[in-house]
Amino acid sequence: MTIEINNFIGKPRDTKREQKLIKQLRDLPEIDAQDFVNRILEHDPFLGLFFAKRVLKEKKFFVGLLGKAVKEADASEIKYWLECCVAKLGFRRVVSLLKNHFLKYPIGVDKALYWLQTLLPKSEPKSVKMLEELKILVSTRAKS
């Protein structure tokens, strides 16, 4: 079953229509739901992230999503990409992945770092430490 993205792109948000689509997407194989979300992301990142967070389960998808975020998202939009990825991957995994992306996308990681601080689970000392290490990495690069 192919769900037509034109029924959602550029249309006013409608909770009932979105809930119906979420149910349809959950009934699809994960790969088909991912395809739909990817197509939505191309046109409306906010709507695509909304559906990704509510429907998709495969962590590999969110690893790729984070890579796309540091490569393409602007300074304010990246916040929403991070919220989605942290919800599915966890804070420490996201920080670890950002460290891996730093050499290739330093500007994207720097943008992410700004918003990542707002998602920090303060009751987790390991998370705080990892975030501090990422800050040092980014600031060291900025000085050189």
Protein backbone atom coordinates (compact mmCIF):
# COMPACT_ATOMS: atom_id res chain seq x y z
CA MET A 1 0.00 0.00 0.00
CA THR A 2 1.41 3.39 -1.00
CA ILE A 3 0.31 6.38 1.03
CA GLU A 4 0.26 9.59 -0.97
CA ILE A 5 2.36 12.30 0.67
CA ASN A 6 0.48 15.03 -1.19
CA ASN A 7 -2.37 14.43 1.22
CA PHE A 8 -0.13 15.87 3.96
CA ILE A 9 2.40 18.24 2.38
CA GLY A 10 1.31 21.86 2.44
CA LYS A 11 -1.99 21.01 4.10
CA PRO A 12 -3.17 22.36 7.44
CA ARG A 13 -2.40 20.02 10.33
CA ASP A 14 -5.33 17.78 11.24
CA THR A 15 -5.04 15.60 14.34
CA LYS A 16 -7.60 13.04 13.19
CA ARG A 17 -5.98 12.65 9.78
CA GLU A 18 -2.53 12.38 11.36
CA GLN A 19 -3.66 9.78 13.89
CA LYS A 20 -5.19 7.72 11.09
CA LEU A 21 -1.93 7.92 9.15
CA ILE A 22 0.10 6.94 12.21
CA LYS A 23 -2.03 3.81 12.54
CA GLN A 24 -1.60 3.02 8.84
CA LEU A 25 2.16 3.53 9.04
CA ARG A 26 2.46 1.30 12.10
CA ASP A 27 0.68 -1.45 10.19
CA LEU A 28 3.22 -1.26 7.36
CA PRO A 29 6.58 -3.03 7.35
CA GLU A 30 9.20 -0.75 8.92
CA ILE A 31 11.01 -0.24 5.61
CA ASP A 32 7.84 1.07 3.94
CA ALA A 33 7.10 3.39 6.84
CA GLN A 34 10.69 4.66 6.66
CA ASP A 35 10.28 5.33 2.95
CA PHE A 36 7.16 7.40 3.61
CA VAL A 37 8.87 9.36 6.40
CA ASN A 38 11.90 10.02 4.17
CA ARG A 39 9.64 11.37 1.43
CA ILE A 40 7.85 13.65 3.91
CA LEU A 41 11.20 14.84 5.35
CA GLU A 42 12.24 16.08 1.90
CA HIS A 43 9.25 18.43 1.79
CA ASP A 44 8.43 19.19 5.42
CA PRO A 45 11.08 18.24 7.99
CA PHE A 46 8.88 19.10 10.98
CA LEU A 47 6.08 16.85 9.80
CA GLY A 48 8.52 14.10 8.86
CA LEU A 49 10.13 14.21 12.30
CA PHE A 50 6.68 14.12 13.90
CA PHE A 51 5.82 10.90 12.07
CA ALA A 52 9.29 9.38 12.55
CA LYS A 53 9.14 9.84 16.31
CA ARG A 54 5.68 8.31 16.58
CA VAL A 55 5.96 5.46 14.11
CA LEU A 56 9.49 4.23 13.49
CA LYS A 57 11.37 1.85 15.75
CA GLU A 58 14.59 0.91 13.97
CA LYS A 59 17.50 2.72 15.62
CA LYS A 60 19.55 2.58 12.43
CA PHE A 61 17.06 4.98 10.82
CA PHE A 62 17.62 7.54 13.59
CA VAL A 63 21.39 7.19 13.34
CA GLY A 64 21.03 8.18 9.68
CA LEU A 65 18.61 10.93 10.59
CA LEU A 66 21.16 12.47 12.95
CA GLY A 67 23.78 12.37 10.19
CA LYS A 68 21.37 14.15 7.87
CA ALA A 69 20.68 16.75 10.56
CA VAL A 70 24.33 17.74 11.09
CA LYS A 71 24.84 17.84 7.35
CA GLU A 72 21.71 19.78 6.32
CA ALA A 73 19.69 21.32 9.15
CA ASP A 74 19.96 25.01 9.91
CA ALA A 75 20.82 26.40 13.34
CA SER A 76 17.27 26.56 14.66
CA GLU A 77 15.80 23.56 12.84
CA ILE A 78 18.43 21.16 14.18
CA LYS A 79 16.77 21.39 17.60
CA TYR A 80 13.79 19.36 16.34
CA TRP A 81 16.01 16.76 14.68
CA LEU A 82 17.91 16.34 17.96
CA GLU A 83 14.72 16.00 20.02
CA CYS A 84 13.58 13.22 17.71
CA CYS A 85 16.92 11.41 17.74
CA VAL A 86 17.46 11.72 21.49
CA ALA A 87 13.97 10.33 22.10
CA LYS A 88 14.78 7.23 20.05
CA LEU A 89 18.53 6.75 20.59
CA GLY A 90 19.16 8.25 23.99
CA PHE A 91 21.24 11.26 24.91
CA ARG A 92 24.61 9.52 25.28
CA ARG A 93 24.29 7.69 21.97
CA VAL A 94 23.50 10.97 20.22
CA VAL A 95 26.54 12.67 21.80
CA SER A 96 28.73 9.75 20.77
CA LEU A 97 27.45 9.94 17.19
CA LEU A 98 28.01 13.70 17.12
CA LYS A 99 31.63 13.15 18.14
CA ASN A 100 31.96 10.79 15.18
CA HIS A 101 30.46 13.40 12.83
CA PHE A 102 32.61 16.26 14.10
CA LEU A 103 35.53 15.92 11.69
CA LYS A 104 33.28 15.85 8.63
CA TYR A 105 30.57 18.30 9.78
CA PRO A 106 32.07 20.55 12.48
CA ILE A 107 29.61 23.39 11.87
CA GLY A 108 26.63 21.04 12.09
CA VAL A 109 27.92 19.53 15.32
CA ASP A 110 28.47 23.02 16.73
CA LYS A 111 24.85 23.91 15.89
CA ALA A 112 23.70 20.70 17.55
CA LEU A 113 25.78 21.38 20.65
CA TYR A 114 23.90 24.61 21.31
CA TRP A 115 20.54 22.80 21.51
CA LEU A 116 21.85 19.56 22.98
CA GLN A 117 22.40 21.29 26.30
CA THR A 118 18.63 21.77 26.62
CA LEU A 119 18.10 18.00 26.25
CA LEU A 120 20.70 17.01 28.84
CA PRO A 121 19.36 14.60 31.48
CA LYS A 122 20.94 16.35 34.46
CA SER A 123 20.54 13.39 36.79
CA GLU A 124 22.97 11.35 34.68
CA PRO A 125 26.61 12.21 35.46
CA LYS A 126 27.84 10.19 32.46
CA SER A 127 25.71 12.31 30.14
CA VAL A 128 27.02 15.52 31.68
CA LYS A 129 30.59 14.28 31.27
CA MET A 130 30.06 13.26 27.64
CA LEU A 131 28.53 16.64 26.82
CA GLU A 132 31.49 18.43 28.43
CA GLU A 133 33.89 16.31 26.34
CA LEU A 134 32.00 17.28 23.18
CA LYS A 135 32.14 20.96 24.17
CA ILE A 136 35.90 20.70 24.62
CA LEU A 137 36.28 19.02 21.24
CA VAL A 138 34.25 21.73 19.52
CA SER A 139 35.98 24.60 21.32
CA THR A 140 39.44 23.15 20.60
CA ARG A 141 38.62 23.06 16.89
CA ALA A 142 37.27 26.61 16.98
CA LYS A 143 40.57 27.89 18.43
CA SER A 144 42.72 26.24 15.77
